[in-house]
Amino acid sequence: MKHSLVEKIVDGQKISPILADGVKNYLIDIDGTICDDIPNEEPERMAIANVYLDARETLNRWFEQGHIITFFTSRIEEHRTVTEKWLKDNGFNYHGMMMGKPRGGNYHWVDNHIVRATRYDGKFTDLVEETTTIEVFKK
C-alpha cells in the first residue's frame, strides 16, 4: 500500500485529500496503551517504561502493511526527546508523534472525515468488526 494522498474535487473545488483506498491513519496513545501508564508528573519513569510486546508487534505489522502510524499522546513537548528515544530503543516503527493530547479520557472526536475509535482494553490483537451504537449529528 502507498501512503500517497488522493486529490479530491467537489463541485469543481479542491478539498482536503484522502489516503488511498485501504490505507488507515492510526492515531495511537502511548501511556497505558503501548507501555506502562506514566503521568506527565513523573517523567523520570518514561525512559524505563515496560513495553507491551503485543502492541509493538501489531503496530509494526500495520506499519509494514503500509498504514500510517502516529502516536498521539498526552505527554507534553518537553517529553518528546525521551519519548522518541524510548520508541526507538523499543523497536517501534512510526511516522509521527503529536504531543499534548488533552488528558482525562472520554474523548469525543468531531471531524469531517471518517473516524473509527477502538478502545484499548489490555491486549493488541487483529481488529474485528462489531456493530455498536454511536452518536451522530441530528439531521
C-alpha atoms as a PDB file:
ATOM      1  CA  MET A   1       0.000   0.000   0.000  1.00  0.00           C
ATOM      2  CA  LYS A   2       1.116   3.545  -0.687  1.00  0.00           C
ATOM      3  CA  HIS A   3       0.897   6.436   1.720  1.00  0.00           C
ATOM      4  CA  SER A   4       0.071   8.784  -1.110  1.00  0.00           C
ATOM      5  CA  LEU A   5      -2.841  11.128  -0.726  1.00  0.00           C
ATOM      6  CA  VAL A   6      -5.589  11.179  -3.313  1.00  0.00           C
ATOM      7  CA  GLU A   7      -6.707  14.591  -4.508  1.00  0.00           C
ATOM      8  CA  LYS A   8     -10.427  15.247  -4.084  1.00  0.00           C
ATOM      9  CA  ILE A   9     -12.557  17.700  -6.065  1.00  0.00           C
ATOM     10  CA  VAL A  10     -16.147  18.536  -5.134  1.00  0.00           C
ATOM     11  CA  ASP A  11     -18.225  20.935  -7.220  1.00  0.00           C
ATOM     12  CA  GLY A  12     -15.081  21.916  -9.112  1.00  0.00           C
ATOM     13  CA  GLN A  13     -13.228  22.870  -5.917  1.00  0.00           C
ATOM     14  CA  LYS A  14     -10.297  21.069  -4.321  1.00  0.00           C
ATOM     15  CA  ILE A  15     -10.943  19.761  -0.816  1.00  0.00           C
ATOM     16  CA  SER A  16      -8.626  18.072   1.660  1.00  0.00           C
ATOM     17  CA  PRO A  17      -7.034  14.964   0.127  1.00  0.00           C
ATOM     18  CA  ILE A  18      -7.689  11.478   1.486  1.00  0.00           C
ATOM     19  CA  LEU A  19      -5.493   8.418   1.847  1.00  0.00           C
ATOM     20  CA  ALA A  20      -5.537   5.824  -0.898  1.00  0.00           C
ATOM     21  CA  ASP A  21      -8.069   3.003  -0.533  1.00  0.00           C
ATOM     22  CA  GLY A  22      -7.131   0.507   2.144  1.00  0.00           C
ATOM     23  CA  VAL A  23      -4.649   2.757   3.963  1.00  0.00           C
ATOM     24  CA  LYS A  24      -5.553   3.625   7.542  1.00  0.00           C
ATOM     25  CA  ASN A  25      -4.287   6.549   9.594  1.00  0.00           C
ATOM     26  CA  TYR A  26      -3.776   5.082  13.069  1.00  0.00           C
ATOM     27  CA  LEU A  27      -3.518   7.514  15.999  1.00  0.00           C
ATOM     28  CA  ILE A  28      -2.119   5.545  18.922  1.00  0.00           C
ATOM     29  CA  ASP A  29      -1.880   6.618  22.552  1.00  0.00           C
ATOM     30  CA  ILE A  30       1.339   5.786  24.406  1.00  0.00           C
ATOM     31  CA  ASP A  31       0.860   5.638  28.183  1.00  0.00           C
ATOM     32  CA  GLY A  32      -1.255   2.667  29.213  1.00  0.00           C
ATOM     33  CA  THR A  33      -1.639   1.588  25.584  1.00  0.00           C
ATOM     34  CA  ILE A  34       1.820   0.573  24.356  1.00  0.00           C
ATOM     35  CA  CYS A  35       3.634   0.753  27.711  1.00  0.00           C
ATOM     36  CA  ASP A  36       3.164   1.384  31.421  1.00  0.00           C
ATOM     37  CA  ASP A  37       0.757   4.226  32.198  1.00  0.00           C
ATOM     38  CA  ILE A  38       3.039   7.055  33.322  1.00  0.00           C
ATOM     39  CA  PRO A  39       1.707  10.502  34.240  1.00  0.00           C
ATOM     40  CA  ASN A  40       3.457  13.645  32.992  1.00  0.00           C
ATOM     41  CA  GLU A  41       4.272  14.492  36.595  1.00  0.00           C
ATOM     42  CA  GLU A  42       6.721  11.532  36.726  1.00  0.00           C
ATOM     43  CA  PRO A  43       8.797  11.967  33.536  1.00  0.00           C
ATOM     44  CA  GLU A  44      11.792  10.121  35.024  1.00  0.00           C
ATOM     45  CA  ARG A  45       9.815   6.876  34.541  1.00  0.00           C
ATOM     46  CA  MET A  46       9.261   7.464  30.811  1.00  0.00           C
ATOM     47  CA  ALA A  47      12.753   6.264  29.842  1.00  0.00           C
ATOM     48  CA  ILE A  48      12.299   2.936  31.638  1.00  0.00           C
ATOM     49  CA  ALA A  49       8.646   2.146  30.903  1.00  0.00           C
ATOM     50  CA  ASN A  50       7.813  -1.504  30.268  1.00  0.00           C
ATOM     51  CA  VAL A  51       6.856  -2.090  26.638  1.00  0.00           C
ATOM     52  CA  TYR A  52       3.685  -4.026  25.745  1.00  0.00           C
ATOM     53  CA  LEU A  53       5.157  -6.541  23.289  1.00  0.00           C
ATOM     54  CA  ASP A  54       1.848  -7.282  21.557  1.00  0.00           C
ATOM     55  CA  ALA A  55       1.485  -3.556  20.847  1.00  0.00           C
ATOM     56  CA  ARG A  56       4.901  -3.375  19.195  1.00  0.00           C
ATOM     57  CA  GLU A  57       4.240  -6.495  17.134  1.00  0.00           C
ATOM     58  CA  THR A  58       0.824  -5.311  15.961  1.00  0.00           C
ATOM     59  CA  LEU A  59       1.807  -1.696  15.237  1.00  0.00           C
ATOM     60  CA  ASN A  60       4.950  -2.707  13.362  1.00  0.00           C
ATOM     61  CA  ARG A  61       2.884  -5.135  11.264  1.00  0.00           C
ATOM     62  CA  TRP A  62       0.438  -2.335  10.418  1.00  0.00           C
ATOM     63  CA  PHE A  63       3.402  -0.097   9.551  1.00  0.00           C
ATOM     64  CA  GLU A  64       4.813  -2.786   7.229  1.00  0.00           C
ATOM     65  CA  GLN A  65       1.364  -3.174   5.614  1.00  0.00           C
ATOM     66  CA  GLY A  66       1.583   0.488   4.593  1.00  0.00           C
ATOM     67  CA  HIS A  67      -0.671   2.088   7.188  1.00  0.00           C
ATOM     68  CA  ILE A  68       0.241   5.400   8.817  1.00  0.00           C
ATOM     69  CA  ILE A  69       1.231   5.113  12.490  1.00  0.00           C
ATOM     70  CA  THR A  70       1.159   8.340  14.502  1.00  0.00           C
ATOM     71  CA  PHE A  71       1.472   8.467  18.254  1.00  0.00           C
ATOM     72  CA  PHE A  72      -0.982  10.920  19.822  1.00  0.00           C
ATOM     73  CA  THR A  73      -0.006  11.378  23.439  1.00  0.00           C
ATOM     74  CA  SER A  74      -0.836  13.481  26.475  1.00  0.00           C
ATOM     75  CA  ARG A  75       2.871  13.802  27.111  1.00  0.00           C
ATOM     76  CA  ILE A  76       3.980  17.388  26.702  1.00  0.00           C
ATOM     77  CA  GLU A  77       6.537  18.772  24.246  1.00  0.00           C
ATOM     78  CA  GLU A  78       9.354  18.717  26.816  1.00  0.00           C
ATOM     79  CA  HIS A  79       8.942  14.908  26.915  1.00  0.00           C
ATOM     80  CA  ARG A  80       9.435  14.484  23.142  1.00  0.00           C
ATOM     81  CA  THR A  81      13.139  13.536  23.260  1.00  0.00           C
ATOM     82  CA  VAL A  82      12.778  10.868  25.961  1.00  0.00           C
ATOM     83  CA  THR A  83       9.679   9.516  24.199  1.00  0.00           C
ATOM     84  CA  GLU A  84      11.355   9.305  20.779  1.00  0.00           C
ATOM     85  CA  LYS A  85      14.370   7.561  22.327  1.00  0.00           C
ATOM     86  CA  TRP A  86      12.135   5.076  24.156  1.00  0.00           C
ATOM     87  CA  LEU A  87      10.198   4.306  20.953  1.00  0.00           C
ATOM     88  CA  LYS A  88      13.451   3.762  19.022  1.00  0.00           C
ATOM     89  CA  ASP A  89      15.062   1.683  21.783  1.00  0.00           C
ATOM     90  CA  ASN A  90      11.952  -0.500  21.961  1.00  0.00           C
ATOM     91  CA  GLY A  91      11.741  -1.056  18.195  1.00  0.00           C
ATOM     92  CA  PHE A  92       8.585   0.853  17.253  1.00  0.00           C
ATOM     93  CA  ASN A  93       8.229   1.935  13.622  1.00  0.00           C
ATOM     94  CA  TYR A  94       6.096   5.029  13.179  1.00  0.00           C
ATOM     95  CA  HIS A  95       5.604   8.083  11.014  1.00  0.00           C
ATOM     96  CA  GLY A  96       4.963  10.867  13.505  1.00  0.00           C
ATOM     97  CA  MET A  97       4.062  11.917  17.008  1.00  0.00           C
ATOM     98  CA  MET A  98       1.699  14.585  18.274  1.00  0.00           C
ATOM     99  CA  MET A  99       2.231  15.797  21.821  1.00  0.00           C
ATOM    100  CA  GLY A 100      -0.234  17.470  24.175  1.00  0.00           C
ATOM    101  CA  LYS A 101      -3.388  15.390  23.696  1.00  0.00           C
ATOM    102  CA  PRO A 102      -5.957  16.513  26.293  1.00  0.00           C
ATOM    103  CA  ARG A 103      -5.809  14.444  29.460  1.00  0.00           C
ATOM    104  CA  GLY A 104      -8.652  12.697  31.204  1.00  0.00           C
ATOM    105  CA  GLY A 105     -10.243  10.431  28.608  1.00  0.00           C
ATOM    106  CA  ASN A 106     -13.889  10.463  27.482  1.00  0.00           C
ATOM    107  CA  TYR A 107     -12.705  11.693  24.080  1.00  0.00           C
ATOM    108  CA  HIS A 108     -15.286  12.744  21.529  1.00  0.00           C
ATOM    109  CA  TRP A 109     -13.681  13.442  18.171  1.00  0.00           C
ATOM    110  CA  VAL A 110     -15.559  15.596  15.656  1.00  0.00           C
ATOM    111  CA  ASP A 111     -14.145  15.566  12.131  1.00  0.00           C
ATOM    112  CA  ASN A 112     -15.289  15.856   8.514  1.00  0.00           C
ATOM    113  CA  HIS A 113     -13.577  12.547   7.722  1.00  0.00           C
ATOM    114  CA  ILE A 114     -14.487   9.035   8.829  1.00  0.00           C
ATOM    115  CA  VAL A 115     -13.334   8.421  12.395  1.00  0.00           C
ATOM    116  CA  ARG A 116     -13.227   4.982  13.940  1.00  0.00           C
ATOM    117  CA  ALA A 117     -12.318   4.558  17.574  1.00  0.00           C
ATOM    118  CA  THR A 118     -11.005   1.441  19.246  1.00  0.00           C
ATOM    119  CA  ARG A 119     -10.652   1.376  22.998  1.00  0.00           C
ATOM    120  CA  TYR A 120      -7.518  -0.416  24.121  1.00  0.00           C
ATOM    121  CA  ASP A 121      -8.512  -2.937  26.776  1.00  0.00           C
ATOM    122  CA  GLY A 122      -5.313  -4.721  27.720  1.00  0.00           C
ATOM    123  CA  LYS A 123      -4.180  -6.559  24.578  1.00  0.00           C
ATOM    124  CA  PHE A 124      -3.309  -5.701  20.997  1.00  0.00           C
ATOM    125  CA  THR A 125      -4.794  -8.175  18.521  1.00  0.00           C
ATOM    126  CA  ASP A 126      -6.139  -8.034  14.996  1.00  0.00           C
ATOM    127  CA  LEU A 127      -9.160  -5.760  14.758  1.00  0.00           C
ATOM    128  CA  VAL A 128     -12.602  -7.243  14.150  1.00  0.00           C
ATOM    129  CA  GLU A 129     -15.796  -5.519  13.100  1.00  0.00           C
ATOM    130  CA  GLU A 130     -18.673  -5.303  15.569  1.00  0.00           C
ATOM    131  CA  THR A 131     -21.940  -3.436  15.439  1.00  0.00           C
ATOM    132  CA  THR A 132     -22.371  -0.815  18.127  1.00  0.00           C
ATOM    133  CA  THR A 133     -24.330   2.324  18.885  1.00  0.00           C
ATOM    134  CA  ILE A 134     -22.657   5.639  18.088  1.00  0.00           C
ATOM    135  CA  GLU A 135     -23.617   9.274  18.472  1.00  0.00           C
ATOM    136  CA  VAL A 136     -24.183  11.227  15.256  1.00  0.00           C
ATOM    137  CA  PHE A 137     -25.322  14.747  14.468  1.00  0.00           C
ATOM    138  CA  LYS A 138     -29.087  15.175  14.249  1.00  0.00           C
ATOM    139  CA  LYS A 139     -30.250  15.608  10.644  1.00  0.00           C
END
